Protein backbone atom coordinates (compact mmCIF):
# COMPACT_ATOMS: atom_id res chain seq x y z
CA MET A 1 0.00 0.00 0.00
CA THR A 2 1.16 3.57 -0.66
CA LEU A 3 0.26 7.05 0.46
CA LEU A 4 -2.18 7.00 -2.48
CA CYS A 5 -4.15 4.11 -0.97
CA LEU A 6 -7.00 6.27 0.35
CA LEU A 7 -10.46 5.06 -0.60
CA VAL A 8 -11.14 7.66 -3.27
CA THR A 9 -14.88 6.97 -3.11
CA LEU A 10 -14.84 8.88 0.19
CA LEU A 11 -13.23 11.91 -1.39
CA PRO A 12 -14.04 14.29 -4.27
CA PRO A 13 -14.58 12.52 -7.61
CA ILE A 14 -11.40 12.05 -9.61
CA SER A 15 -11.43 12.90 -13.31
CA GLY A 16 -8.63 12.43 -15.82
CA ASP A 17 -5.25 11.00 -14.97
CA ALA A 18 -3.49 13.81 -13.12
CA ASN A 19 -4.87 14.96 -9.79
CA TRP A 20 -3.17 15.72 -6.49
CA PRO A 21 -6.00 17.37 -4.56
CA ALA A 22 -4.59 18.06 -1.09
CA PHE A 23 -1.63 17.94 1.28
CA LEU A 24 0.36 14.68 0.93
CA GLY A 25 -1.76 13.66 -2.05
CA SER A 26 -4.88 12.73 -0.11
CA GLY A 27 -7.42 11.57 -2.70
CA ALA A 28 -4.88 11.53 -5.54
CA SER A 29 -5.27 9.54 -8.74
CA GLN A 30 -2.88 6.61 -9.18
CA PRO A 31 -0.16 7.13 -11.81
CA ASP A 32 1.79 4.35 -13.49
CA VAL A 33 5.26 4.09 -11.98
CA ALA A 34 6.72 3.44 -15.44
CA ASP A 35 5.58 6.92 -16.56
CA LEU A 36 7.12 8.79 -13.64
CA PRO A 37 10.71 10.06 -13.85
CA LEU A 38 13.45 8.05 -12.20
CA LYS A 39 16.29 10.34 -13.28
CA TRP A 40 16.47 14.07 -13.90
CA SER A 41 18.89 16.98 -13.66
CA PRO A 42 18.87 20.74 -14.31
CA LYS A 43 20.27 20.01 -17.80
CA LYS A 44 17.76 17.37 -18.77
CA GLY A 45 14.49 16.46 -17.13
CA VAL A 46 13.83 19.76 -15.35
CA GLU A 47 11.42 21.10 -17.97
CA TRP A 48 10.58 24.46 -16.49
CA ILE A 49 10.91 26.67 -13.43
CA ALA A 50 8.02 29.06 -12.78
CA GLU A 51 8.63 32.06 -10.52
CA ILE A 52 5.99 32.68 -7.84
CA GLU A 53 5.27 36.06 -6.28
CA GLY A 54 6.51 36.35 -2.71
CA HIS A 55 7.35 33.22 -0.72
CA GLY A 56 5.37 30.16 0.33
CA GLN A 57 5.98 27.02 2.37
CA SER A 58 2.89 25.15 1.19
CA SER A 59 2.91 22.21 -1.20
CA PRO A 60 1.37 22.52 -4.67
CA VAL A 61 -1.91 20.84 -5.55
CA LEU A 62 -2.89 19.65 -9.02
CA TRP A 63 -6.05 19.15 -11.01
CA GLY A 64 -5.79 18.18 -14.67
CA ASP A 65 -3.57 20.71 -16.43
CA LYS A 66 -3.57 23.22 -13.56
CA VAL A 67 -1.14 23.46 -10.61
CA PHE A 68 -2.10 25.73 -7.71
CA VAL A 69 0.31 27.24 -5.16
CA THR A 70 0.02 29.84 -2.40
CA SER A 71 2.46 32.48 -1.19
CA VAL A 72 2.73 35.68 0.85
CA SER A 73 4.46 39.02 0.22
CA GLY A 74 5.18 42.29 2.00
CA LYS A 75 7.17 43.31 5.07
CA GLU A 76 4.13 42.61 7.24
CA LYS A 77 2.82 39.75 5.06
CA GLU A 78 0.20 42.21 3.80
CA GLN A 79 -0.79 40.17 0.74
CA TYR A 80 -1.56 36.49 0.28
CA HIS A 81 -1.46 35.02 -3.23
CA LEU A 82 -2.99 32.03 -5.00
CA SER A 83 -1.37 31.24 -8.36
CA CYS A 84 -2.57 28.90 -11.10
CA ILE A 85 0.16 27.56 -13.42
CA ASN A 86 -0.19 25.43 -16.55
CA ALA A 87 1.16 21.98 -15.70
CA GLN A 88 2.59 21.36 -19.17
CA SER A 89 4.21 24.68 -20.03
CA GLY A 90 4.80 26.35 -16.68
CA GLU A 91 3.03 29.47 -17.95
CA PRO A 92 0.91 31.44 -15.46
CA GLN A 93 -2.84 31.02 -16.00
CA TRP A 94 -4.13 33.45 -13.37
CA SER A 95 -3.34 34.75 -9.92
CA ALA A 96 -5.37 36.34 -7.15
CA SER A 97 -4.37 38.35 -4.10
CA VAL A 98 -6.06 38.44 -0.70
CA THR A 99 -5.42 41.17 1.85
CA ASN A 100 -4.10 39.71 5.10
CA SER A 101 -6.63 40.51 7.82
CA ASP A 102 -3.98 40.16 10.55
CA PRO A 103 -0.58 41.39 9.28
CA ALA A 104 2.56 40.19 11.07
CA ALA A 105 6.27 40.61 10.49
CA ASN A 106 7.49 38.64 7.49
CA SER A 107 10.19 36.53 9.10
CA TYR A 108 12.21 33.39 8.38
CA TYR A 109 11.15 32.19 11.79
CA VAL A 110 7.37 32.32 11.27
CA SER A 111 5.16 30.39 8.84
CA ARG A 112 4.75 32.01 5.44
CA ALA A 113 1.72 30.70 3.55
CA ALA A 114 2.40 27.28 5.08
CA PRO A 115 -1.03 25.56 4.79
CA THR A 116 -1.48 23.67 1.49
CA PRO A 117 -4.70 24.46 -0.44
CA ILE A 118 -7.28 21.89 -1.47
CA VAL A 119 -8.76 21.40 -4.95
CA ASP A 120 -11.55 19.31 -6.45
CA ALA A 121 -13.40 19.21 -9.77
CA ASN A 122 -15.25 22.47 -9.08
CA ARG A 123 -13.02 24.72 -6.97
CA VAL A 124 -9.73 25.47 -5.25
CA ILE A 125 -9.71 26.72 -1.65
CA ALA A 126 -6.76 28.42 0.02
CA PHE A 127 -6.49 28.77 3.79
CA PHE A 128 -3.87 31.09 5.31
CA GLU A 129 -2.36 31.28 8.79
CA SER A 130 -4.24 34.48 9.70
CA GLY A 131 -7.53 32.60 9.33
CA ASP A 132 -8.28 34.10 5.91
CA CYS A 133 -9.91 31.54 3.62
CA VAL A 134 -10.91 32.04 -0.01
CA CYS A 135 -12.51 29.86 -2.70
CA PHE A 136 -12.08 30.21 -6.47
CA ALA A 137 -13.37 28.39 -9.52
CA HIS A 138 -10.70 26.81 -11.70
CA ASP A 139 -10.84 29.82 -14.03
CA GLY A 140 -10.03 32.26 -11.23
CA GLU A 141 -13.54 33.52 -10.47
CA LYS A 142 -13.94 34.12 -6.73
CA ARG A 143 -16.74 32.07 -5.18
CA TRP A 144 -16.52 33.08 -1.52
CA GLN A 145 -14.19 34.52 1.10
CA ARG A 146 -14.23 34.55 4.89
CA ASN A 147 -11.98 35.00 7.90
CA ILE A 148 -12.26 32.02 10.23
CA ALA A 149 -10.63 34.02 13.04
CA THR A 150 -13.79 36.11 13.40
CA GLU A 151 -15.53 32.93 14.56
CA VAL A 152 -12.81 31.19 16.57
CA GLY A 153 -10.74 34.12 17.79
CA LYS A 154 -7.49 35.79 16.77
CA VAL A 155 -4.70 33.36 15.92
CA SER A 156 -1.94 33.63 18.52
CA ALA A 157 1.11 31.57 17.59
CA GLU A 158 4.76 32.56 17.97
CA PHE A 159 5.80 30.53 14.94
CA GLY A 160 2.52 30.78 13.02
CA LEU A 161 0.21 28.02 11.80
CA GLY A 162 1.24 25.10 9.62
CA ALA A 163 -1.75 22.75 9.48
CA SER A 164 -3.25 22.19 6.02
CA PRO A 165 -6.96 21.50 5.53
CA CYS A 166 -8.24 18.10 4.46
CA GLN A 167 -11.47 17.34 2.64
CA THR A 168 -14.27 14.98 1.75
CA ALA A 169 -16.52 15.45 -1.27
CA GLU A 170 -18.55 18.29 0.25
CA THR A 171 -16.61 19.47 3.31
CA MET A 172 -13.21 20.91 4.22
CA PHE A 173 -11.73 20.54 7.70
CA VAL A 174 -9.47 23.18 9.23
CA LEU A 175 -7.45 22.69 12.42
CA ILE A 176 -6.43 25.76 14.44
CA GLU A 177 -3.77 24.83 17.02
CA HIS A 178 -2.11 27.77 18.76
CA ASP A 179 -1.32 29.39 22.11
CA GLU A 180 -5.02 29.96 22.86
CA PRO A 181 -7.84 27.40 22.85
CA GLY A 182 -8.22 26.15 19.29
CA SER A 183 -10.77 24.48 17.05
CA LEU A 184 -11.41 21.79 14.47
CA ILE A 185 -13.86 23.32 12.01
CA ALA A 186 -15.96 21.74 9.25
CA ILE A 187 -16.80 24.11 6.37
CA ASN A 188 -19.15 23.59 3.45
CA LYS A 189 -16.93 23.85 0.37
CA GLN A 190 -19.69 25.27 -1.83
CA THR A 191 -20.87 28.07 0.47
CA GLY A 192 -18.02 28.62 2.95
CA ASN A 193 -20.42 28.25 5.88
CA THR A 194 -19.42 26.50 9.09
CA LEU A 195 -21.12 23.13 9.56
CA TRP A 196 -19.74 22.31 13.02
CA LYS A 197 -16.90 23.26 15.35
CA VAL A 198 -15.10 21.22 17.98
CA ASP A 199 -13.17 23.07 20.68
CA ARG A 200 -9.52 22.15 21.18
CA PRO A 201 -7.21 22.95 24.10
CA ALA A 202 -4.37 25.41 23.66
CA GLY A 203 -1.24 23.77 22.28
CA ARG A 204 1.49 24.37 19.73
CA SER A 205 1.26 21.94 16.86
CA TRP A 206 1.76 22.02 13.09
CA SER A 207 0.32 18.60 12.22
CA SER A 208 -2.52 18.58 9.70
CA PRO A 209 -5.84 16.75 10.06
CA ALA A 210 -6.30 13.78 7.74
CA ILE A 211 -9.04 11.58 6.29
CA VAL A 212 -8.68 7.90 7.23
CA ALA A 213 -11.16 5.26 6.07
CA VAL A 214 -12.38 2.96 8.86
CA ALA A 215 -14.73 0.10 7.99
CA GLY A 216 -15.61 1.85 4.72
CA ALA A 217 -16.40 5.26 6.25
CA PRO A 218 -14.18 8.35 6.58
CA HIS A 219 -12.91 9.61 9.91
CA VAL A 220 -11.24 12.99 10.43
CA VAL A 221 -8.04 12.15 12.31
CA VAL A 222 -6.18 14.74 14.39
CA SER A 223 -2.72 13.73 15.63
CA SER A 224 -1.30 16.58 17.71
CA SER A 225 -0.46 17.83 21.17
CA GLY A 226 -0.25 14.52 22.98
CA SER A 227 -3.14 12.50 21.57
CA VAL A 228 -4.68 11.10 18.40
CA LEU A 229 -8.43 11.48 17.95
CA GLY A 230 -10.99 10.50 15.34
CA PHE A 231 -14.10 12.53 14.51
CA SER A 232 -17.21 12.01 12.41
CA PRO A 233 -16.96 14.24 9.31
CA LYS A 234 -20.76 14.65 9.34
CA THR A 235 -21.31 15.76 12.94
CA GLY A 236 -17.94 16.38 14.59
CA LYS A 237 -18.68 13.71 17.20
CA GLN A 238 -15.52 12.20 18.67
CA LEU A 239 -15.41 8.51 17.73
CA TRP A 240 -12.21 7.32 19.43
CA GLN A 241 -9.07 8.52 21.20
CA LEU A 242 -5.49 7.27 21.62
CA ASP A 243 -3.57 8.68 24.55
CA GLU A 244 -0.02 8.07 25.83
CA ILE A 245 1.34 9.85 22.76
CA GLY A 246 3.84 12.70 22.80
CA GLY A 247 5.92 14.80 20.45
CA ASN A 248 3.39 14.35 17.63
CA THR A 249 3.28 18.00 16.64
CA GLY A 250 4.73 17.99 13.12
CA CYS A 251 3.75 14.84 11.20
CA THR A 252 0.40 14.06 9.60
CA PRO A 253 -1.33 10.64 9.49
CA ILE A 254 -1.63 9.06 6.04
CA ASP A 255 -4.36 6.51 5.35
CA CYS A 256 -2.68 3.16 4.67
CA GLY A 257 -5.79 1.02 4.28
CA ASP A 258 -7.75 -1.21 6.68
CA GLY A 259 -8.06 1.57 9.26
CA ARG A 260 -4.29 1.89 9.68
CA PHE A 261 -1.91 4.83 9.77
CA LEU A 262 1.47 5.75 11.22
CA VAL A 263 2.18 8.35 13.89
CA GLY A 264 5.34 10.44 13.64
CA ALA A 265 6.75 12.01 16.81
CA SER A 266 9.86 14.02 17.57
CA PRO A 267 11.70 14.80 20.82
CA GLY A 268 11.53 18.50 19.94
CA ARG A 269 14.24 21.10 19.39
CA ASN A 270 15.41 20.94 23.00
CA GLY A 271 14.49 17.32 23.75
CA GLU A 272 11.42 18.31 25.73
CA ASN A 273 9.38 15.38 24.36
CA ALA A 274 12.15 12.77 24.34
CA GLY A 275 10.48 10.37 26.77
CA SER A 276 7.00 10.32 25.27
CA ALA A 277 8.18 10.49 21.65
CA ALA A 278 10.23 7.30 22.12
CA GLN A 279 6.99 5.31 22.39
CA SER A 280 4.93 7.37 19.97
CA ASN A 281 6.34 6.55 16.53
CA CYS A 282 3.99 3.68 15.88
CA LEU A 283 1.48 1.88 13.70
CA VAL A 284 -2.09 2.60 14.80
CA GLN A 285 -5.06 0.35 14.06
CA ILE A 286 -8.64 1.60 14.29
CA SER A 287 -11.12 -1.22 14.81
CA SER A 288 -14.91 -1.17 14.94
CA GLY A 289 -17.06 -3.28 17.22
CA ASN A 290 -20.40 -3.37 18.99
CA ASP A 291 -19.27 -0.68 21.41
CA GLY A 292 -17.95 1.69 18.75
CA PHE A 293 -14.38 2.25 17.64
CA GLU A 294 -11.08 1.52 19.35
CA ALA A 295 -7.59 2.80 18.58
CA THR A 296 -4.59 0.64 19.48
CA LYS A 297 -0.84 0.73 18.96
CA VAL A 298 0.18 -2.31 16.93
CA TRP A 299 3.92 -1.77 17.29
CA VAL A 300 6.42 0.99 18.05
CA ALA A 301 9.22 2.10 15.71
CA GLU A 302 12.25 2.24 17.98
CA ARG A 303 14.61 5.23 17.57
CA ALA A 304 12.79 6.56 14.50
CA PHE A 305 12.37 10.29 15.13
CA PRO A 306 11.23 12.32 12.10
CA SER A 307 11.36 16.09 11.67
CA TRP A 308 8.65 17.41 9.33
CA ALA A 309 8.43 14.42 6.98
CA SER A 310 5.54 12.10 7.82
CA PRO A 311 6.20 8.34 7.88
CA ILE A 312 4.68 6.22 5.11
CA ILE A 313 3.77 2.59 4.42
CA HIS A 314 4.56 1.08 1.05
CA GLU A 315 4.46 -2.55 -0.15
CA GLY A 316 4.64 -4.09 3.31
CA PHE A 317 7.29 -1.79 4.79
CA ALA A 318 7.13 1.40 6.85
CA TYR A 319 9.58 4.26 6.36
CA TRP A 320 10.63 7.14 8.59
CA VAL A 321 13.33 9.71 7.77
CA ASN A 322 14.90 11.85 10.49
CA ARG A 323 16.42 15.34 10.49
CA SER A 324 19.86 13.89 9.67
CA GLY A 325 18.59 12.05 6.58
CA VAL A 326 18.63 8.58 8.16
CA VAL A 327 15.97 6.27 6.71
CA PHE A 328 14.42 3.79 9.15
CA CYS A 329 12.67 0.83 7.51
CA PHE A 330 10.37 -1.53 9.44
CA ASP A 331 8.36 -4.61 8.56
CA VAL A 332 4.71 -3.53 8.70
CA THR A 333 3.44 -6.87 9.97
CA THR A 334 5.92 -7.42 12.81
CA GLY A 335 7.34 -3.96 13.47
CA GLN A 336 10.84 -5.41 13.28
CA SER A 337 13.61 -3.10 12.12
CA VAL A 338 14.79 -3.98 8.61
CA TYR A 339 17.53 -1.38 8.11
CA GLN A 340 18.80 2.10 8.94
CA GLN A 341 20.67 3.94 6.19
CA ARG A 342 21.69 7.56 5.71
CA LEU A 343 20.81 9.69 2.69
CA LYS A 344 22.97 12.61 1.55
CA GLN A 345 20.35 15.19 2.58
CA SER A 346 17.70 15.54 5.24
CA CYS A 347 14.08 15.75 4.10
CA TRP A 348 11.32 18.13 5.14
CA ALA A 349 8.93 16.73 2.53
CA THR A 350 7.21 13.39 3.13
CA PRO A 351 8.58 10.44 1.10
CA PHE A 352 6.57 9.15 -1.84
CA GLY A 353 6.20 5.43 -2.49
CA ILE A 354 5.03 3.95 -5.78
CA GLY A 355 5.72 0.61 -7.48
CA ASP A 356 9.27 -0.51 -6.80
CA ARG A 357 10.45 2.97 -5.73
CA ILE A 358 10.56 5.29 -2.73
CA TYR A 359 11.34 8.95 -3.47
CA PHE A 360 13.04 11.05 -0.76
CA PHE A 361 12.97 14.76 -1.60
CA GLY A 362 16.00 16.28 0.12
CA LYS A 363 15.40 19.76 1.48
CA ASP A 364 18.39 21.19 -0.43
CA GLY A 365 17.20 19.85 -3.78
CA LEU A 366 18.69 16.35 -4.05
CA THR A 367 16.02 13.69 -4.57
CA THR A 368 17.16 10.17 -3.74
CA VAL A 369 15.18 7.25 -5.14
CA ILE A 370 15.65 3.93 -3.38
CA ALA A 371 14.30 0.48 -4.13
CA ALA A 372 11.18 -0.47 -2.22
CA GLY A 373 11.63 -3.53 -0.04
CA ALA A 374 13.94 -5.08 2.51
CA GLU A 375 17.23 -4.14 0.84
CA PHE A 376 18.50 -0.56 0.87
CA LYS A 377 19.49 0.17 -2.72
CA VAL A 378 19.87 3.61 -4.26
CA LEU A 379 18.34 3.73 -7.75
CA SER A 380 19.16 7.35 -8.54
CA GLU A 381 20.19 10.68 -7.05
CA ASN A 382 18.70 13.69 -8.79
CA THR A 383 19.72 17.32 -8.49
CA THR A 384 16.70 19.55 -9.03
CA TRP A 385 18.33 22.97 -9.31
CA GLY A 386 21.75 24.43 -9.84
CA LYS A 387 23.43 27.39 -8.21
CA ASP A 388 21.92 30.04 -10.49
CA ASP A 389 18.72 28.30 -11.61
CA LEU A 390 16.27 29.72 -9.07
CA PRO A 391 14.94 33.27 -9.04
CA ALA A 392 16.57 35.48 -6.42
CA GLU A 393 14.72 36.45 -3.27
CA ALA A 394 15.20 39.72 -1.41
CA PRO A 395 16.46 39.08 2.14
CA LEU A 396 14.14 39.77 5.04
CA GLY A 397 14.99 42.06 7.94
CA GLU A 398 17.47 40.99 10.61
CA GLU A 399 16.01 39.02 13.49
CA ALA A 400 16.09 40.46 17.01
CA THR A 401 17.70 37.54 18.86
CA GLU A 402 20.77 35.40 18.28
CA GLU A 403 18.65 32.23 18.17
CA ARG A 404 16.52 33.66 15.41
CA ARG A 405 19.53 34.95 13.51
CA ARG A 406 20.97 31.41 13.46
CA ALA A 407 17.65 30.03 12.25
CA SER A 408 17.45 32.69 9.56
CA ALA A 409 20.82 31.62 8.17
CA MET A 410 19.37 28.15 7.57
CA PHE A 411 15.85 29.13 6.49
CA SER A 412 17.05 31.76 3.99
CA LYS A 413 18.51 29.08 1.72
CA PRO A 414 16.32 27.53 -1.03
CA THR A 415 14.32 24.75 0.61
CA LEU A 416 12.27 22.00 -1.00
CA TYR A 417 9.03 22.19 1.00
CA GLY A 418 6.77 19.79 -0.88
CA TYR A 419 5.62 18.36 -4.20
CA ALA A 420 2.68 17.19 -6.28
CA VAL A 421 2.62 14.14 -8.57
CA SER A 422 0.96 13.95 -11.99
CA ALA A 423 0.77 11.08 -14.47
CA ASP A 424 4.33 11.69 -15.65
CA ALA A 425 5.95 14.46 -13.58
CA PHE A 426 6.83 15.81 -10.16
CA TYR A 427 6.04 19.43 -9.35
CA VAL A 428 8.50 20.51 -6.68
CA ARG A 429 7.99 23.59 -4.50
CA VAL A 430 10.63 25.96 -3.17
CA GLY A 431 9.78 29.28 -1.56
CA ASN A 432 9.40 31.43 -4.69
CA ALA A 433 9.32 28.87 -7.50
CA LEU A 434 7.64 25.76 -8.84
CA ILE A 435 9.80 23.23 -10.71
CA CYS A 436 8.56 20.58 -13.14
CA CYS A 437 10.66 17.37 -13.30
CA ARG A 438 10.15 14.74 -15.99
CA GLU A 439 12.34 11.85 -17.11
CA GLY A 440 15.81 12.85 -18.24
CA THR A 441 19.46 11.84 -18.16
CA GLU A 442 22.73 13.72 -18.21
């Protein structure tokens, strides 16, 4: 099973052969591995690089021949942007700007258009960290706009928001986790109206909600701030809860079939979650019975501590990658460690498994493709951009503290944040550009 193994009947209808509708490909169409690139380089295989206004940390989404990306610009992040780019040519199709209802200093240290939009056959919806949310038709006509913060309260988060919305056919789900009491909100995609709201305790987390199919029905799964919970997408009723979890503030569950998903947990920057995170990287099974639903840990992945990349299951094996680029592979049935091997770059983007391949998108632009299965074998290493290939970005203002100045030195470099997958290409996102990679050799 792969990260594309969601039951697509629970999600918006798929048309054509190239759709990547949401963060981590939830609801994506299934390409043929033989048509996807194994090798590429800036000289051959990188077909185009499209410049994007401002800077964004979100992943692209894809529907047919259109790729959608979000970004933010201005010293106080005054303007949010949604851009539509032709998937074949890289030419801009249209763009729209939204005035930020809650401006804040544009900083390397705070999220910048981090939530990934959602798209279906009828619309694309962008949610931004201020609470601003806007819906457009595929041709750029605005359908509705609202500010969620007017309903749930001003967003108060030192590092901003990172959670991307997820969706079913008719509803989008937005998670607000910040320094004040938060919310999980269900919104009608056609009208923008709130359908229900579940209160959440205050807590810093950047994990996104996810759709997981359990016994043929979708659950909205929230893995963050010390627990994993499942909710009914229709009513918001809590269906189950898994406690004794910690450090699960950055990774997002991915439906792996049969009510299963992996939890990713990190000790934190200063090791504050080291104890709880050690027992929190695990396979979770949701089971249904006469008394409702139950969540259980099937096994724990020892010493596998990811950063931002979520763990995946593919063809009977589970994969984690940590902040040093070490890949941890486990047998899905037994939980036994199969191998630990280091890549040349760390990964912020979640790995992608398809056919006999696992793609690891290194944050500095080197994508390593390994063979799926019990043996660690590198199939290719692909450089996505060269020194002078990307458009230049103007530096932001100097940070006030030494800690932030050190972080700025790292975050100011081009970073591969995420990707979308079509029938024959990868669309890779850096802060101010989208890059199309198809098959090529030196």
